[in-house]
């Protein structure tokens, strides 16, 4: 089985690619969904985050307010690293469980969508890396629209990640998402053909 890491910058179109691969029958996991589920209820991780960042990040139902937490960690490098140290072990465990399950099921490909593979070093666990990319101006505009951020807020979040050009240089496959969704889907299908051939 080929373990494939799908990464790129924030708001670079990774989800469109992952959904297309899923439509084509590929087993996929969205690391951000793992975090979302983790933050949705009271558990050991959310309690650790509450202890580190204060009670204001917790809603009445015990879930975390990602917007408030994001406002804290994207202003402070140490806070962001503390967040990653508390959350990443659980996410890593979920990814390993997914990959092991996919192997047992006899899958030829398994794709994990995660934004910070190069930043955290987790790219090393994958056989192939696929990078989604678009020009920085397009990325910024998408992020502002998606997360209702100001121009300055969007720029700060993008700056916390490695430059997309560096990610592209280190990738096995690169998918340009800067034009239409239809063209992105076609490019994804082309890459999938290559991945399936490699898996054989």
Protein backbone atom coordinates (compact mmCIF):
# COMPACT_ATOMS: atom_id res chain seq x y z
CA UNK A 1 0.00 0.00 0.00
CA UNK A 2 1.16 3.52 -0.81
CA UNK A 3 0.75 5.91 2.12
CA UNK A 4 0.22 9.34 0.59
CA UNK A 5 0.52 12.67 2.33
CA UNK A 6 -1.61 15.46 0.87
CA UNK A 7 -0.45 18.86 2.02
CA UNK A 8 -0.01 22.50 0.96
CA UNK A 9 -0.71 25.92 2.35
CA UNK A 10 -3.79 26.84 4.34
CA UNK A 11 -6.78 27.40 1.99
CA UNK A 12 -4.80 26.01 -0.95
CA UNK A 13 -7.46 23.56 -2.17
CA UNK A 14 -6.47 20.35 -0.39
CA UNK A 15 -10.07 19.51 0.49
CA UNK A 16 -11.18 19.65 -3.15
CA UNK A 17 -8.43 17.18 -4.04
CA UNK A 18 -9.17 14.88 -1.11
CA UNK A 19 -12.90 14.79 -1.91
CA UNK A 20 -12.11 13.91 -5.52
CA UNK A 21 -9.84 11.05 -4.46
CA UNK A 22 -12.55 9.83 -2.10
CA UNK A 23 -15.07 9.91 -4.96
CA UNK A 24 -12.68 7.74 -6.93
CA UNK A 25 -12.67 5.12 -4.18
CA UNK A 26 -9.46 6.08 -2.39
CA UNK A 27 -9.35 5.77 1.40
CA UNK A 28 -8.74 9.24 2.86
CA UNK A 29 -8.42 10.92 6.24
CA UNK A 30 -8.68 14.66 6.94
CA UNK A 31 -6.45 15.50 9.91
CA UNK A 32 -8.38 18.73 10.48
CA UNK A 33 -11.57 16.69 10.94
CA UNK A 34 -9.77 14.65 13.60
CA UNK A 35 -8.96 17.91 15.41
CA UNK A 36 -12.51 19.18 14.93
CA UNK A 37 -13.94 16.01 16.49
CA UNK A 38 -11.42 16.20 19.31
CA UNK A 39 -12.42 19.79 20.09
CA UNK A 40 -16.15 19.02 19.94
CA UNK A 41 -16.45 17.63 23.47
CA UNK A 42 -14.77 17.55 26.85
CA UNK A 43 -11.83 15.13 26.97
CA UNK A 44 -8.28 14.91 28.29
CA UNK A 45 -6.88 17.01 25.44
CA UNK A 46 -9.45 19.80 25.71
CA UNK A 47 -8.92 19.90 29.48
CA UNK A 48 -5.16 20.28 28.90
CA UNK A 49 -5.82 23.09 26.45
CA UNK A 50 -8.15 24.78 28.93
CA UNK A 51 -5.45 24.59 31.59
CA UNK A 52 -2.88 26.10 29.20
CA UNK A 53 -4.98 28.78 27.48
CA UNK A 54 -7.68 29.57 30.03
CA UNK A 55 -11.44 28.96 30.41
CA UNK A 56 -12.40 31.51 27.73
CA UNK A 57 -11.60 28.98 24.98
CA UNK A 58 -14.27 26.56 26.27
CA UNK A 59 -17.96 26.79 25.36
CA UNK A 60 -20.76 25.97 27.81
CA UNK A 61 -21.12 22.45 26.36
CA UNK A 62 -17.44 21.67 26.97
CA UNK A 63 -16.35 22.05 23.35
CA UNK A 64 -13.56 24.41 22.35
CA UNK A 65 -14.12 27.69 20.57
CA UNK A 66 -11.66 27.35 17.67
CA UNK A 67 -11.99 31.00 16.72
CA UNK A 68 -10.95 32.23 20.18
CA UNK A 69 -8.17 29.65 20.38
CA UNK A 70 -6.98 30.59 16.89
CA UNK A 71 -6.84 34.26 17.80
CA UNK A 72 -4.50 33.36 20.67
CA UNK A 73 -2.14 30.95 18.94
CA UNK A 74 -1.73 32.89 15.70
CA UNK A 75 -0.42 35.88 17.64
CA UNK A 76 2.13 33.95 19.69
CA UNK A 77 4.66 31.44 18.38
CA UNK A 78 5.13 29.78 21.78
CA UNK A 79 1.37 29.42 22.22
CA UNK A 80 1.12 27.77 18.81
CA UNK A 81 3.90 25.32 19.65
CA UNK A 82 2.24 24.51 22.97
CA UNK A 83 -1.02 23.84 21.13
CA UNK A 84 0.72 21.51 18.69
CA UNK A 85 2.48 19.66 21.52
CA UNK A 86 -0.86 18.99 23.22
CA UNK A 87 -2.87 18.07 20.12
CA UNK A 88 -0.49 16.38 17.67
CA UNK A 89 0.07 13.12 19.61
CA UNK A 90 -3.66 12.34 19.42
CA UNK A 91 -3.81 13.27 15.74
CA UNK A 92 -0.72 11.14 15.03
CA UNK A 93 -2.36 8.18 16.73
CA UNK A 94 -5.52 8.62 14.62
CA UNK A 95 -3.44 8.74 11.44
CA UNK A 96 -1.52 5.59 12.33
CA UNK A 97 -4.79 3.80 13.11
CA UNK A 98 -6.20 4.87 9.74
CA UNK A 99 -3.11 3.75 7.79
CA UNK A 100 -2.93 0.40 9.60
CA UNK A 101 -6.63 -0.21 8.98
CA UNK A 102 -6.22 0.65 5.29
CA UNK A 103 -3.35 -1.84 4.99
CA UNK A 104 -5.39 -4.59 6.65
CA UNK A 105 -8.28 -3.86 4.28
CA UNK A 106 -5.96 -4.37 1.32
CA UNK A 107 -6.13 -0.79 0.03
CA UNK A 108 -3.63 0.09 -2.70
CA UNK A 109 -3.66 3.78 -1.69
CA UNK A 110 -4.40 5.67 1.52
CA UNK A 111 -4.35 9.47 1.64
CA UNK A 112 -3.93 11.71 4.69
CA UNK A 113 -4.77 15.40 4.24
CA UNK A 114 -2.80 17.56 6.70
CA UNK A 115 -1.52 21.12 6.39
CA UNK A 116 1.62 20.94 8.55
CA UNK A 117 3.43 17.82 7.32
CA UNK A 118 6.70 19.56 6.52
CA UNK A 119 6.51 21.87 9.52
CA UNK A 120 6.09 18.97 11.98
CA UNK A 121 8.27 16.43 10.17
CA UNK A 122 5.35 14.03 9.78
CA UNK A 123 5.91 13.90 6.00
CA UNK A 124 8.56 11.23 6.70
CA UNK A 125 5.90 8.59 7.41
CA UNK A 126 4.53 8.77 3.83
CA UNK A 127 5.73 7.07 0.66
CA UNK A 128 4.56 9.91 -1.57
CA UNK A 129 3.80 13.59 -0.96
CA UNK A 130 1.24 15.52 -3.03
CA UNK A 131 1.20 19.30 -2.66
CA UNK A 132 -1.79 21.51 -3.50
CA UNK A 133 -0.80 25.03 -4.45
CA UNK A 134 -2.12 28.32 -5.73
CA UNK A 135 -0.65 31.84 -5.92
CA UNK A 136 -0.31 33.63 -2.59
CA UNK A 137 -2.88 36.27 -3.55
CA UNK A 138 -5.47 33.61 -4.37
CA UNK A 139 -4.66 31.76 -1.16
CA UNK A 140 -5.05 34.91 0.94
CA UNK A 141 -8.37 35.80 -0.70
CA UNK A 142 -9.73 32.27 -0.15
CA UNK A 143 -8.63 32.26 3.48
CA UNK A 144 -10.20 35.66 4.18
CA UNK A 145 -13.47 34.56 2.60
CA UNK A 146 -13.55 31.10 4.19
CA UNK A 147 -12.63 32.09 7.76
CA UNK A 148 -13.97 35.67 7.72
CA UNK A 149 -10.53 37.12 8.45
CA UNK A 150 -9.02 40.53 7.86
CA UNK A 151 -6.14 40.89 5.43
CA UNK A 152 -3.67 41.15 8.32
CA UNK A 153 -5.08 38.08 10.09
CA UNK A 154 -4.88 36.02 6.92
CA UNK A 155 -1.29 37.06 6.28
CA UNK A 156 -0.29 36.05 9.82
CA UNK A 157 -1.79 32.58 9.44
CA UNK A 158 -0.12 32.03 6.09
CA UNK A 159 3.23 33.22 7.51
CA UNK A 160 3.19 30.47 10.16
CA UNK A 161 3.58 27.84 7.43
CA UNK A 162 6.52 27.06 5.18
CA UNK A 163 6.47 28.99 1.88
CA UNK A 164 4.49 27.09 -0.73
CA UNK A 165 7.42 27.19 -3.18
CA UNK A 166 9.51 25.18 -0.72
CA UNK A 167 6.72 22.64 -0.31
CA UNK A 168 6.39 22.32 -4.09
CA UNK A 169 10.11 21.65 -4.47
CA UNK A 170 9.95 18.81 -1.94
CA UNK A 171 6.81 17.18 -3.36
CA UNK A 172 6.52 14.07 -5.54
CA UNK A 173 3.41 15.47 -7.22
CA UNK A 174 2.08 19.02 -7.41
CA UNK A 175 -1.54 19.97 -8.18
CA UNK A 176 -2.30 23.53 -9.25
CA UNK A 177 -5.63 24.63 -7.74
CA UNK A 178 -5.48 28.25 -8.88
CA UNK A 179 -8.00 28.03 -11.71
CA UNK A 180 -11.43 26.38 -11.82
CA UNK A 181 -12.60 23.47 -9.68
CA UNK A 182 -13.19 21.50 -12.88
CA UNK A 183 -9.55 21.90 -13.89
CA UNK A 184 -8.38 21.00 -10.38
CA UNK A 185 -10.44 17.81 -10.53
CA UNK A 186 -8.90 16.90 -13.90
CA UNK A 187 -5.40 17.47 -12.56
CA UNK A 188 -6.27 15.34 -9.53
CA UNK A 189 -7.46 12.52 -11.78
CA UNK A 190 -4.18 12.70 -13.71
CA UNK A 191 -2.16 12.44 -10.51
CA UNK A 192 -4.35 9.56 -9.32
CA UNK A 193 -3.47 7.61 -12.46
CA UNK A 194 0.20 8.02 -11.63
CA UNK A 195 -0.33 6.98 -8.01
CA UNK A 196 -2.24 3.85 -8.99
CA UNK A 197 0.49 2.90 -11.47
CA UNK A 198 3.12 3.44 -8.76
CA UNK A 199 1.11 1.32 -6.29
CA UNK A 200 1.14 -1.62 -8.72
